[in-house]
Amino acid sequence: MKLKIPDDIFERVEEENLKQAQECIEKGMFEEAENIGVLTLIKSGIMTQLNPMGKIIWDNLKTLNTIESIAQKVSKEFDINFEECYRDIECFIQDLIKKGFITYE
């Protein structure tokens, strides 16, 4: 299944929130950073915010079009277990598909 970001999605980086999340991460406050919305996605009046990891996955969707390829890159970059990473990304992607922010071919 190839993933695709529809053309009618508007995205806005929340610069102040991103800075705050980066500061939390630098201090090892990962749970705090998880709760900060750093990227807002908008489609037909529907909005959702992504946390720092969600933004990383979203940014990778622009060049990689499968869950497996994204999970491979993210698991290597963050030195985490591939299978666990794949499952987490799959759940995240399925949620965005249900909300209409991602389609698949």
PDB file of N, CA and C in Angstrom:
ATOM      1  N   MET A   1       0.841  -1.168   0.000  1.00  0.00           N
ATOM      2  CA  MET A   1       0.000   0.000   0.000  1.00  0.00           C
ATOM      3  C   MET A   1       0.897   1.245   0.000  1.00  0.00           C
ATOM      4  N   LYS A   2       0.730   2.107  -0.994  1.00  0.00           N
ATOM      5  CA  LYS A   2       1.501   3.346  -1.079  1.00  0.00           C
ATOM      6  C   LYS A   2       0.699   4.476  -0.445  1.00  0.00           C
ATOM      7  N   LEU A   3       1.338   5.185   0.446  1.00  0.00           N
ATOM      8  CA  LEU A   3       0.699   6.279   1.161  1.00  0.00           C
ATOM      9  C   LEU A   3       0.882   7.583   0.401  1.00  0.00           C
ATOM     10  N   LYS A   4      -0.097   8.470   0.554  1.00  0.00           N
ATOM     11  CA  LYS A   4      -0.032   9.750  -0.150  1.00  0.00           C
ATOM     12  C   LYS A   4      -0.686  10.830   0.705  1.00  0.00           C
ATOM     13  N   ILE A   5      -0.079  12.011   0.715  1.00  0.00           N
ATOM     14  CA  ILE A   5      -0.678  13.169   1.367  1.00  0.00           C
ATOM     15  C   ILE A   5      -1.516  13.883   0.308  1.00  0.00           C
ATOM     16  N   PRO A   6      -2.825  14.011   0.521  1.00  0.00           N
ATOM     17  CA  PRO A   6      -3.674  14.691  -0.467  1.00  0.00           C
ATOM     18  C   PRO A   6      -3.252  16.152  -0.668  1.00  0.00           C
ATOM     19  N   ASP A   7      -3.526  16.662  -1.852  1.00  0.00           N
ATOM     20  CA  ASP A   7      -3.139  18.031  -2.197  1.00  0.00           C
ATOM     21  C   ASP A   7      -3.874  19.095  -1.383  1.00  0.00           C
ATOM     22  N   ASP A   8      -5.033  18.763  -0.831  1.00  0.00           N
ATOM     23  CA  ASP A   8      -5.826  19.771  -0.119  1.00  0.00           C
ATOM     24  C   ASP A   8      -5.512  19.867   1.377  1.00  0.00           C
ATOM     25  N   ILE A   9      -4.390  19.308   1.790  1.00  0.00           N
ATOM     26  CA  ILE A   9      -3.979  19.384   3.194  1.00  0.00           C
ATOM     27  C   ILE A   9      -3.124  20.634   3.383  1.00  0.00           C
ATOM     28  N   PHE A  10      -3.490  21.429   4.361  1.00  0.00           N
ATOM     29  CA  PHE A  10      -2.699  22.601   4.737  1.00  0.00           C
ATOM     30  C   PHE A  10      -1.961  22.247   6.019  1.00  0.00           C
ATOM     31  N   GLU A  11      -0.691  22.597   6.088  1.00  0.00           N
ATOM     32  CA  GLU A  11       0.072  22.331   7.304  1.00  0.00           C
ATOM     33  C   GLU A  11       0.731  23.606   7.800  1.00  0.00           C
ATOM     34  N   ARG A  12       0.792  23.720   9.125  1.00  0.00           N
ATOM     35  CA  ARG A  12       1.410  24.898   9.740  1.00  0.00           C
ATOM     36  C   ARG A  12       2.287  24.436  10.898  1.00  0.00           C
ATOM     37  N   VAL A  13       3.564  24.791  10.840  1.00  0.00           N
ATOM     38  CA  VAL A  13       4.483  24.483  11.935  1.00  0.00           C
ATOM     39  C   VAL A  13       4.241  25.504  13.043  1.00  0.00           C
ATOM     40  N   GLU A  14       4.032  25.018  14.238  1.00  0.00           N
ATOM     41  CA  GLU A  14       3.836  25.878  15.410  1.00  0.00           C
ATOM     42  C   GLU A  14       5.217  26.147  16.004  1.00  0.00           C
ATOM     43  N   GLU A  15       5.857  27.217  15.522  1.00  0.00           N
ATOM     44  CA  GLU A  15       7.266  27.492  15.827  1.00  0.00           C
ATOM     45  C   GLU A  15       7.560  27.562  17.330  1.00  0.00           C
ATOM     46  N   GLU A  16       6.737  28.271  18.083  1.00  0.00           N
ATOM     47  CA  GLU A  16       6.975  28.381  19.533  1.00  0.00           C
ATOM     48  C   GLU A  16       6.858  27.023  20.217  1.00  0.00           C
ATOM     49  N   ASN A  17       5.852  26.261  19.815  1.00  0.00           N
ATOM     50  CA  ASN A  17       5.676  24.921  20.393  1.00  0.00           C
ATOM     51  C   ASN A  17       6.832  24.006  20.015  1.00  0.00           C
ATOM     52  N   LEU A  18       7.296  24.119  18.772  1.00  0.00           N
ATOM     53  CA  LEU A  18       8.422  23.302  18.316  1.00  0.00           C
ATOM     54  C   LEU A  18       9.665  23.618  19.144  1.00  0.00           C
ATOM     55  N   LYS A  19       9.896  24.894  19.377  1.00  0.00           N
ATOM     56  CA  LYS A  19      11.044  25.307  20.191  1.00  0.00           C
ATOM     57  C   LYS A  19      10.919  24.748  21.612  1.00  0.00           C
ATOM     58  N   GLN A  20       9.721  24.846  22.174  1.00  0.00           N
ATOM     59  CA  GLN A  20       9.480  24.327  23.524  1.00  0.00           C
ATOM     60  C   GLN A  20       9.704  22.812  23.576  1.00  0.00           C
ATOM     61  N   ALA A  21       9.220  22.095  22.569  1.00  0.00           N
ATOM     62  CA  ALA A  21       9.397  20.640  22.518  1.00  0.00           C
ATOM     63  C   ALA A  21      10.874  20.276  22.400  1.00  0.00           C
ATOM     64  N   GLN A  22      11.613  21.012  21.574  1.00  0.00           N
ATOM     65  CA  GLN A  22      13.040  20.744  21.416  1.00  0.00           C
ATOM     66  C   GLN A  22      13.783  20.961  22.730  1.00  0.00           C
ATOM     67  N   GLU A  23      13.389  21.997  23.468  1.00  0.00           N
ATOM     68  CA  GLU A  23      14.010  22.250  24.771  1.00  0.00           C
ATOM     69  C   GLU A  23      13.715  21.105  25.742  1.00  0.00           C
ATOM     70  N   CYS A  24      12.487  20.607  25.727  1.00  0.00           N
ATOM     71  CA  CYS A  24      12.122  19.471  26.586  1.00  0.00           C
ATOM     72  C   CYS A  24      12.948  18.240  26.233  1.00  0.00           C
ATOM     73  N   ILE A  25      13.092  17.976  24.945  1.00  0.00           N
ATOM     74  CA  ILE A  25      13.855  16.812  24.489  1.00  0.00           C
ATOM     75  C   ILE A  25      15.316  16.934  24.918  1.00  0.00           C
ATOM     76  N   GLU A  26      15.887  18.132  24.752  1.00  0.00           N
ATOM     77  CA  GLU A  26      17.281  18.353  25.154  1.00  0.00           C
ATOM     78  C   GLU A  26      17.490  18.109  26.648  1.00  0.00           C
ATOM     79  N   LYS A  27      16.453  18.371  27.449  1.00  0.00           N
ATOM     80  CA  LYS A  27      16.534  18.171  28.899  1.00  0.00           C
ATOM     81  C   LYS A  27      16.133  16.758  29.312  1.00  0.00           C
ATOM     82  N   GLY A  28      15.809  15.906  28.327  1.00  0.00           N
ATOM     83  CA  GLY A  28      15.408  14.536  28.623  1.00  0.00           C
ATOM     84  C   GLY A  28      13.969  14.417  29.095  1.00  0.00           C
ATOM     85  N   MET A  29      13.176  15.444  28.886  1.00  0.00           N
ATOM     86  CA  MET A  29      11.774  15.457  29.306  1.00  0.00           C
ATOM     87  C   MET A  29      10.894  14.989  28.143  1.00  0.00           C
ATOM     88  N   PHE A  30      11.052  13.717  27.779  1.00  0.00           N
ATOM     89  CA  PHE A  30      10.402  13.185  26.580  1.00  0.00           C
ATOM     90  C   PHE A  30       8.882  13.134  26.698  1.00  0.00           C
ATOM     91  N   GLU A  31       8.378  12.782  27.881  1.00  0.00           N
ATOM     92  CA  GLU A  31       6.921  12.725  28.057  1.00  0.00           C
ATOM     93  C   GLU A  31       6.299  14.102  27.921  1.00  0.00           C
ATOM     94  N   GLU A  32       6.988  15.125  28.396  1.00  0.00           N
ATOM     95  CA  GLU A  32       6.506  16.502  28.241  1.00  0.00           C
ATOM     96  C   GLU A  32       6.437  16.860  26.759  1.00  0.00           C
ATOM     97  N   ALA A  33       7.483  16.523  26.018  1.00  0.00           N
ATOM     98  CA  ALA A  33       7.547  16.852  24.590  1.00  0.00           C
ATOM     99  C   ALA A  33       6.449  16.148  23.808  1.00  0.00           C
ATOM    100  N   GLU A  34       6.107  14.921  24.223  1.00  0.00           N
ATOM    101  CA  GLU A  34       5.062  14.146  23.540  1.00  0.00           C
ATOM    102  C   GLU A  34       3.719  14.854  23.527  1.00  0.00           C
ATOM    103  N   ASN A  35       3.482  15.694  24.513  1.00  0.00           N
ATOM    104  CA  ASN A  35       2.188  16.355  24.658  1.00  0.00           C
ATOM    105  C   ASN A  35       2.129  17.737  24.016  1.00  0.00           C
ATOM    106  N   ILE A  36       3.156  18.093  23.262  1.00  0.00           N
ATOM    107  CA  ILE A  36       3.195  19.416  22.634  1.00  0.00           C
ATOM    108  C   ILE A  36       2.893  19.275  21.146  1.00  0.00           C
ATOM    109  N   GLY A  37       1.874  19.983  20.686  1.00  0.00           N
ATOM    110  CA  GLY A  37       1.524  19.989  19.263  1.00  0.00           C
ATOM    111  C   GLY A  37       2.449  20.919  18.502  1.00  0.00           C
ATOM    112  N   VAL A  38       3.250  20.366  17.603  1.00  0.00           N
ATOM    113  CA  VAL A  38       4.233  21.176  16.878  1.00  0.00           C
ATOM    114  C   VAL A  38       3.877  21.380  15.407  1.00  0.00           C
ATOM    115  N   LEU A  39       2.927  20.598  14.903  1.00  0.00           N
ATOM    116  CA  LEU A  39       2.500  20.730  13.509  1.00  0.00           C
ATOM    117  C   LEU A  39       0.983  20.594  13.461  1.00  0.00           C
ATOM    118  N   THR A  40       0.327  21.592  12.880  1.00  0.00           N
ATOM    119  CA  THR A  40      -1.123  21.556  12.732  1.00  0.00           C
ATOM    120  C   THR A  40      -1.455  21.191  11.295  1.00  0.00           C
ATOM    121  N   LEU A  41      -2.326  20.201  11.121  1.00  0.00           N
ATOM    122  CA  LEU A  41      -2.815  19.797   9.804  1.00  0.00           C
ATOM    123  C   LEU A  41      -4.274  20.215   9.708  1.00  0.00           C
ATOM    124  N   ILE A  42      -4.644  20.768   8.547  1.00  0.00           N
ATOM    125  CA  ILE A  42      -6.018  21.229   8.342  1.00  0.00           C
ATOM    126  C   ILE A  42      -6.513  20.703   7.003  1.00  0.00           C
ATOM    127  N   LYS A  43      -7.740  20.160   7.030  1.00  0.00           N
ATOM    128  CA  LYS A  43      -8.383  19.688   5.800  1.00  0.00           C
ATOM    129  C   LYS A  43      -9.882  19.891   5.952  1.00  0.00           C
ATOM    130  N   SER A  44     -10.465  20.693   5.083  1.00  0.00           N
ATOM    131  CA  SER A  44     -11.919  20.904   5.055  1.00  0.00           C
ATOM    132  C   SER A  44     -12.498  21.185   6.440  1.00  0.00           C
ATOM    133  N   GLY A  45     -11.870  22.081   7.173  1.00  0.00           N
ATOM    134  CA  GLY A  45     -12.373  22.452   8.487  1.00  0.00           C
ATOM    135  C   GLY A  45     -12.014  21.496   9.604  1.00  0.00           C
ATOM    136  N   ILE A  46     -11.354  20.408   9.294  1.00  0.00           N
ATOM    137  CA  ILE A  46     -10.910  19.448  10.311  1.00  0.00           C
ATOM    138  C   ILE A  46      -9.444  19.749  10.620  1.00  0.00           C
ATOM    139  N   MET A  47      -9.131  19.817  11.911  1.00  0.00           N
ATOM    140  CA  MET A  47      -7.771  20.104  12.331  1.00  0.00           C
ATOM    141  C   MET A  47      -7.261  19.014  13.253  1.00  0.00           C
ATOM    142  N   THR A  48      -5.973  18.759  13.161  1.00  0.00           N
ATOM    143  CA  THR A  48      -5.314  17.873  14.119  1.00  0.00           C
ATOM    144  C   THR A  48      -3.909  18.401  14.342  1.00  0.00           C
ATOM    145  N   GLN A  49      -3.377  18.156  15.514  1.00  0.00           N
ATOM    146  CA  GLN A  49      -2.011  18.562  15.807  1.00  0.00           C
ATOM    147  C   GLN A  49      -1.150  17.329  16.029  1.00  0.00           C
ATOM    148  N   LEU A  50       0.072  17.417  15.531  1.00  0.00           N
ATOM    149  CA  LEU A  50       1.031  16.329  15.684  1.00  0.00           C
ATOM    150  C   LEU A  50       2.107  16.739  16.678  1.00  0.00           C
ATOM    151  N   ASN A  51       2.541  15.769  17.466  1.00  0.00           N
ATOM    152  CA  ASN A  51       3.643  16.008  18.391  1.00  0.00           C
ATOM    153  C   ASN A  51       4.966  15.870  17.620  1.00  0.00           C
ATOM    154  N   PRO A  52       6.117  16.048  18.282  1.00  0.00           N
ATOM    155  CA  PRO A  52       7.387  15.987  17.549  1.00  0.00           C
ATOM    156  C   PRO A  52       7.590  14.700  16.738  1.00  0.00           C
ATOM    157  N   MET A  53       7.262  13.531  17.303  1.00  0.00           N
ATOM    158  CA  MET A  53       7.438  12.289  16.538  1.00  0.00           C
ATOM    159  C   MET A  53       6.446  12.227  15.388  1.00  0.00           C
ATOM    160  N   GLY A  54       5.229  12.688  15.606  1.00  0.00           N
ATOM    161  CA  GLY A  54       4.248  12.741  14.527  1.00  0.00           C
ATOM    162  C   GLY A  54       4.737  13.607  13.383  1.00  0.00           C
ATOM    163  N   LYS A  55       5.385  14.722  13.715  1.00  0.00           N
ATOM    164  CA  LYS A  55       5.937  15.606  12.678  1.00  0.00           C
ATOM    165  C   LYS A  55       7.044  14.906  11.902  1.00  0.00           C
ATOM    166  N   ILE A  56       7.885  14.169  12.603  1.00  0.00           N
ATOM    167  CA  ILE A  56       8.964  13.434  11.922  1.00  0.00           C
ATOM    168  C   ILE A  56       8.368  12.428  10.940  1.00  0.00           C
ATOM    169  N   ILE A  57       7.355  11.696  11.372  1.00  0.00           N
ATOM    170  CA  ILE A  57       6.701  10.719  10.491  1.00  0.00           C
ATOM    171  C   ILE A  57       6.051  11.439   9.321  1.00  0.00           C
ATOM    172  N   TRP A  58       5.335  12.526   9.587  1.00  0.00           N
ATOM    173  CA  TRP A  58       4.672  13.305   8.532  1.00  0.00           C
ATOM    174  C   TRP A  58       5.695  13.801   7.507  1.00  0.00           C
ATOM    175  N   ASP A  59       6.808  14.354   7.989  1.00  0.00           N
ATOM    176  CA  ASP A  59       7.843  14.854   7.080  1.00  0.00           C
ATOM    177  C   ASP A  59       8.410  13.725   6.223  1.00  0.00           C
ATOM    178  N   ASN A  60       8.548  12.531   6.795  1.00  0.00           N
ATOM    179  CA  ASN A  60       9.044  11.387   6.028  1.00  0.00           C
ATOM    180  C   ASN A  60       8.036  10.913   4.994  1.00  0.00           C
ATOM    181  N   LEU A  61       6.749  11.134   5.259  1.00  0.00           N
ATOM    182  CA  LEU A  61       5.708  10.753   4.291  1.00  0.00           C
ATOM    183  C   LEU A  61       5.860  11.497   2.969  1.00  0.00           C
ATOM    184  N   LYS A  62       6.528  12.622   3.001  1.00  0.00           N
ATOM    185  CA  LYS A  62       6.690  13.431   1.788  1.00  0.00           C
ATOM    186  C   LYS A  62       7.666  12.794   0.801  1.00  0.00           C
ATOM    187  N   THR A  63       8.547  11.923   1.303  1.00  0.00           N
ATOM    188  CA  THR A  63       9.521  11.279   0.414  1.00  0.00           C
ATOM    189  C   THR A  63       9.439   9.757   0.428  1.00  0.00           C
ATOM    190  N   LEU A  64       8.885   9.202   1.482  1.00  0.00           N
ATOM    191  CA  LEU A  64       8.742   7.746   1.588  1.00  0.00           C
ATOM    192  C   LEU A  64       7.256   7.422   1.576  1.00  0.00           C
ATOM    193  N   ASN A  65       6.856   6.371   0.874  1.00  0.00           N
ATOM    194  CA  ASN A  65       5.411   6.149   0.728  1.00  0.00           C
ATOM    195  C   ASN A  65       4.911   4.811   1.272  1.00  0.00           C
ATOM    196  N   THR A  66       5.680   4.173   2.138  1.00  0.00           N
ATOM    197  CA  THR A  66       5.181   2.955   2.790  1.00  0.00           C
ATOM    198  C   THR A  66       5.493   3.026   4.283  1.00  0.00           C
ATOM    199  N   ILE A  67       4.683   2.351   5.059  1.00  0.00           N
ATOM    200  CA  ILE A  67       4.921   2.298   6.502  1.00  0.00           C
ATOM    201  C   ILE A  67       6.271   1.643   6.769  1.00  0.00           C
ATOM    202  N   GLU A  68       6.572   0.594   6.028  1.00  0.00           N
ATOM    203  CA  GLU A  68       7.840  -0.116   6.233  1.00  0.00           C
ATOM    204  C   GLU A  68       9.045   0.793   6.011  1.00  0.00           C
ATOM    205  N   SER A  69       9.041   1.568   4.927  1.00  0.00           N
ATOM    206  CA  SER A  69      10.193   2.432   4.646  1.00  0.00           C
ATOM    207  C   SER A  69      10.337   3.528   5.702  1.00  0.00           C
ATOM    208  N   ILE A  70       9.223   4.056   6.176  1.00  0.00           N
ATOM    209  CA  ILE A  70       9.279   5.075   7.228  1.00  0.00           C
ATOM    210  C   ILE A  70       9.784   4.446   8.526  1.00  0.00           C
ATOM    211  N   ALA A  71       9.269   3.274   8.874  1.00  0.00           N
ATOM    212  CA  ALA A  71       9.691   2.590  10.103  1.00  0.00           C
ATOM    213  C   ALA A  71      11.175   2.236  10.053  1.00  0.00           C
ATOM    214  N   GLN A  72      11.669   1.823   8.894  1.00  0.00           N
ATOM    215  CA  GLN A  72      13.098   1.515   8.765  1.00  0.00           C
ATOM    216  C   GLN A  72      13.933   2.754   9.058  1.00  0.00           C
ATOM    217  N   LYS A  73      13.553   3.871   8.459  1.00  0.00           N
ATOM    218  CA  LYS A  73      14.318   5.105   8.644  1.00  0.00           C
ATOM    219  C   LYS A  73      14.241   5.594  10.089  1.00  0.00           C
ATOM    220  N   VAL A  74      13.049   5.629  10.654  1.00  0.00           N
ATOM    221  CA  VAL A  74      12.869   6.136  12.019  1.00  0.00           C
ATOM    222  C   VAL A  74      13.546   5.220  13.038  1.00  0.00           C
ATOM    223  N   SER A  75      13.411   3.904  12.873  1.00  0.00           N
ATOM    224  CA  SER A  75      14.025   2.979  13.836  1.00  0.00           C
ATOM    225  C   SER A  75      15.549   3.086  13.810  1.00  0.00           C
ATOM    226  N   LYS A  76      16.129   3.290  12.637  1.00  0.00           N
ATOM    227  CA  LYS A  76      17.585   3.468  12.554  1.00  0.00           C
ATOM    228  C   LYS A  76      18.002   4.807  13.147  1.00  0.00           C
ATOM    229  N   GLU A  77      17.267   5.859  12.795  1.00  0.00           N
ATOM    230  CA  GLU A  77      17.617   7.203  13.255  1.00  0.00           C
ATOM    231  C   GLU A  77      17.561   7.324  14.778  1.00  0.00           C
ATOM    232  N   PHE A  78      16.585   6.666  15.401  1.00  0.00           N
ATOM    233  CA  PHE A  78      16.402   6.785  16.845  1.00  0.00           C
ATOM    234  C   PHE A  78      16.849   5.543  17.607  1.00  0.00           C
ATOM    235  N   ASP A  79      17.438   4.579  16.885  1.00  0.00           N
ATOM    236  CA  ASP A  79      17.962   3.353  17.492  1.00  0.00           C
ATOM    237  C   ASP A  79      16.907   2.660  18.358  1.00  0.00           C
ATOM    238  N   ILE A  80      15.751   2.384  17.724  1.00  0.00           N
ATOM    239  CA  ILE A  80      14.667   1.684  18.409  1.00  0.00           C
ATOM    240  C   ILE A  80      14.299   0.426  17.635  1.00  0.00           C
ATOM    241  N   ASN A  81      13.634  -0.490  18.303  1.00  0.00           N
ATOM    242  CA  ASN A  81      13.239  -1.762  17.716  1.00  0.00           C
ATOM    243  C   ASN A  81      12.333  -1.545  16.500  1.00  0.00           C
ATOM    244  N   PHE A  82      12.682  -2.165  15.370  1.00  0.00           N
ATOM    245  CA  PHE A  82      11.927  -1.974  14.131  1.00  0.00           C
ATOM    246  C   PHE A  82      10.473  -2.412  14.267  1.00  0.00           C
ATOM    247  N   GLU A  83      10.233  -3.589  14.842  1.00  0.00           N
ATOM    248  CA  GLU A  83       8.866  -4.114  14.919  1.00  0.00           C
ATOM    249  C   GLU A  83       7.961  -3.200  15.745  1.00  0.00           C
ATOM    250  N   GLU A  84       8.475  -2.745  16.876  1.00  0.00           N
ATOM    251  CA  GLU A  84       7.695  -1.834  17.721  1.00  0.00           C
ATOM    252  C   GLU A  84       7.456  -0.505  17.003  1.00  0.00           C
ATOM    253  N   CYS A  85       8.489  -0.012  16.353  1.00  0.00           N
ATOM    254  CA  CYS A  85       8.384   1.228  15.590  1.00  0.00           C
ATOM    255  C   CYS A  85       7.341   1.083  14.478  1.00  0.00           C
ATOM    256  N   TYR A  86       7.377  -0.035  13.771  1.00  0.00           N
ATOM    257  CA  TYR A  86       6.428  -0.294  12.682  1.00  0.00           C
ATOM    258  C   TYR A  86       4.994  -0.278  13.212  1.00  0.00           C
ATOM    259  N   ARG A  87       4.763  -0.983  14.310  1.00  0.00           N
ATOM    260  CA  ARG A  87       3.402  -1.042  14.885  1.00  0.00           C
ATOM    261  C   ARG A  87       2.903   0.346  15.288  1.00  0.00           C
ATOM    262  N   ASP A  88       3.771   1.112  15.927  1.00  0.00           N
ATOM    263  CA  ASP A  88       3.379   2.458  16.358  1.00  0.00           C
ATOM    264  C   ASP A  88       3.075   3.357  15.160  1.00  0.00           C
ATOM    265  N   ILE A  89       3.918   3.294  14.148  1.00  0.00           N
ATOM    266  CA  ILE A  89       3.700   4.114  12.953  1.00  0.00           C
ATOM    267  C   ILE A  89       2.447   3.662  12.222  1.00  0.00           C
ATOM    268  N   GLU A  90       2.226   2.360  12.159  1.00  0.00           N
ATOM    269  CA  GLU A  90       1.028   1.838  11.502  1.00  0.00           C
ATOM    270  C   GLU A  90      -0.241   2.372  12.178  1.00  0.00           C
ATOM    271  N   CYS A  91      -0.283   2.369  13.493  1.00  0.00           N
ATOM    272  CA  CYS A  91      -1.447   2.905  14.228  1.00  0.00           C
ATOM    273  C   CYS A  91      -1.620   4.391  13.949  1.00  0.00           C
ATOM    274  N   PHE A  92      -0.528   5.120  13.963  1.00  0.00           N
ATOM    275  CA  PHE A  92      -0.551   6.558  13.701  1.00  0.00           C
ATOM    276  C   PHE A  92      -1.079   6.841  12.293  1.00  0.00           C
ATOM    277  N   ILE A  93      -0.563   6.112  11.312  1.00  0.00           N
ATOM    278  CA  ILE A  93      -0.981   6.289   9.914  1.00  0.00           C
ATOM    279  C   ILE A  93      -2.456   5.934   9.749  1.00  0.00           C
ATOM    280  N   GLN A  94      -2.892   4.841  10.357  1.00  0.00           N
ATOM    281  CA  GLN A  94      -4.304   4.442  10.248  1.00  0.00           C
ATOM    282  C   GLN A  94      -5.222   5.528  10.805  1.00  0.00           C
ATOM    283  N   ASP A  95      -4.813   6.154  11.890  1.00  0.00           N
ATOM    284  CA  ASP A  95      -5.599   7.244  12.468  1.00  0.00           C
ATOM    285  C   ASP A  95      -5.691   8.417  11.488  1.00  0.00           C
ATOM    286  N   LEU A  96      -4.572   8.761  10.857  1.00  0.00           N
ATOM    287  CA  LEU A  96      -4.584   9.868   9.895  1.00  0.00           C
ATOM    288  C   LEU A  96      -5.377   9.516   8.637  1.00  0.00           C
ATOM    289  N   ILE A  97      -5.379   8.249   8.244  1.00  0.00           N
ATOM    290  CA  ILE A  97      -6.195   7.810   7.103  1.00  0.00           C
ATOM    291  C   ILE A  97      -7.677   7.978   7.448  1.00  0.00           C
ATOM    292  N   LYS A  98      -8.067   7.543   8.639  1.00  0.00           N
ATOM    293  CA  LYS A  98      -9.472   7.668   9.066  1.00  0.00           C
ATOM    294  C   LYS A  98      -9.932   9.122   9.072  1.00  0.00           C
ATOM    295  N   LYS A  99      -9.029  10.028   9.432  1.00  0.00           N
ATOM    296  CA  LYS A  99      -9.366  11.452   9.494  1.00  0.00           C
ATOM    297  C   LYS A  99      -9.264  12.138   8.130  1.00  0.00           C
ATOM    298  N   GLY A 100      -8.750  11.421   7.118  1.00  0.00           N
ATOM    299  CA  GLY A 100      -8.657  11.974   5.772  1.00  0.00           C
ATOM    300  C   GLY A 100      -7.392  12.756   5.469  1.00  0.00           C
ATOM    301  N   PHE A 101      -6.402  12.694   6.359  1.00  0.00           N
ATOM    302  CA  PHE A 101      -5.162  13.427   6.139  1.00  0.00           C
ATOM    303  C   PHE A 101      -4.160  12.656   5.284  1.00  0.00           C
ATOM    304  N   ILE A 102      -4.384  11.366   5.124  1.00  0.00           N
ATOM    305  CA  ILE A 102      -3.538  10.520   4.280  1.00  0.00           C
ATOM    306  C   ILE A 102      -4.461   9.609   3.483  1.00  0.00           C
ATOM    307  N   THR A 103      -4.083   9.355   2.243  1.00  0.00           N
ATOM    308  CA  THR A 103      -4.790   8.363   1.433  1.00  0.00           C
ATOM    309  C   THR A 103      -3.777   7.294   1.037  1.00  0.00           C
ATOM    310  N   TYR A 104      -4.261   6.236   0.423  1.00  0.00           N
ATOM    311  CA  TYR A 104      -3.345   5.209  -0.061  1.00  0.00           C
ATOM    312  C   TYR A 104      -3.830   4.684  -1.398  1.00  0.00           C
ATOM    313  N   GLU A 105      -2.865   4.202  -2.152  1.00  0.00           N
ATOM    314  CA  GLU A 105      -3.150   3.665  -3.491  1.00  0.00           C
ATOM    315  C   GLU A 105      -2.985   2.167  -3.485  1.00  0.00           C
TER     316      GLU A 105
END
